[in-house]
Amino acid sequence: MDKYLRVKGVAEMLSVSTSTVWNYVKQDTNFPKSIKLTGSVTVWSANEIQAWVESKRRRL
């Protein structure tokens, strides 16, 4: 079962600020798509975030 993270959880997983997560959303077309649960609640799949991290590592 997939786990879902709010922006703070994504930021912690990536060791960045929440502002940086939102910058990734705006600027990185490969960043996983978010899921809007309500007007103020957005989540991401933890598996998709992990896959994105691994893809970034492979490009280095």
Protein backbone atom coordinates (compact mmCIF):
# COMPACT_ATOMS: atom_id res chain seq x y z
CA MET A 1 0.00 0.00 0.00
CA ASP A 2 1.35 3.38 -1.00
CA LYS A 3 1.98 6.03 1.64
CA TYR A 4 1.09 9.65 0.94
CA LEU A 5 2.99 12.66 2.24
CA ARG A 6 1.98 16.26 2.73
CA VAL A 7 4.44 18.97 1.73
CA LYS A 8 6.21 18.90 5.10
CA GLY A 9 6.77 15.15 4.81
CA VAL A 10 8.11 15.51 1.28
CA ALA A 11 10.45 18.27 2.45
CA GLU A 12 11.71 16.08 5.29
CA MET A 13 12.20 13.13 2.94
CA LEU A 14 14.25 15.30 0.57
CA SER A 15 16.03 17.28 3.33
CA VAL A 16 14.86 20.58 1.87
CA SER A 17 12.47 23.35 2.89
CA THR A 18 8.79 23.33 1.98
CA SER A 19 9.48 26.34 -0.29
CA THR A 20 11.96 24.21 -2.22
CA VAL A 21 9.34 21.49 -2.68
CA TRP A 22 6.94 24.06 -4.17
CA ASN A 23 9.77 25.29 -6.43
CA TYR A 24 10.29 21.72 -7.66
CA VAL A 25 6.55 21.52 -8.39
CA LYS A 26 6.72 24.70 -10.48
CA GLN A 27 10.06 24.21 -12.22
CA ASP A 28 10.87 20.48 -12.50
CA THR A 29 8.63 18.80 -15.08
CA ASN A 30 9.80 15.40 -13.83
CA PHE A 31 8.76 16.04 -10.23
CA PRO A 32 5.88 13.73 -9.26
CA LYS A 33 2.39 15.12 -9.68
CA SER A 34 0.55 16.02 -6.52
CA ILE A 35 -2.92 14.91 -5.51
CA LYS A 36 -5.23 17.67 -4.29
CA LEU A 37 -7.42 16.23 -1.51
CA THR A 38 -9.10 19.50 -0.51
CA GLY A 39 -8.54 23.18 -1.19
CA SER A 40 -5.72 23.28 1.34
CA VAL A 41 -4.46 19.68 1.44
CA THR A 42 -2.04 18.41 -1.20
CA VAL A 43 -0.22 15.07 -1.02
CA TRP A 44 2.36 13.12 -3.01
CA SER A 45 2.98 9.42 -3.31
CA ALA A 46 6.02 8.48 -1.21
CA ASN A 47 6.91 5.82 -3.80
CA GLU A 48 6.87 8.37 -6.61
CA ILE A 49 9.04 10.78 -4.61
CA GLN A 50 11.52 7.96 -3.93
CA ALA A 51 11.59 7.03 -7.63
CA TRP A 52 12.22 10.70 -8.51
CA VAL A 53 15.15 10.81 -6.07
CA GLU A 54 16.61 7.63 -7.58
CA SER A 55 16.24 8.98 -11.11
CA LYS A 56 18.11 12.15 -10.07
CA ARG A 57 20.94 10.02 -8.64
CA ARG A 58 21.25 8.01 -11.86
CA ARG A 59 21.71 11.23 -13.87
CA LEU A 60 24.69 12.32 -11.77
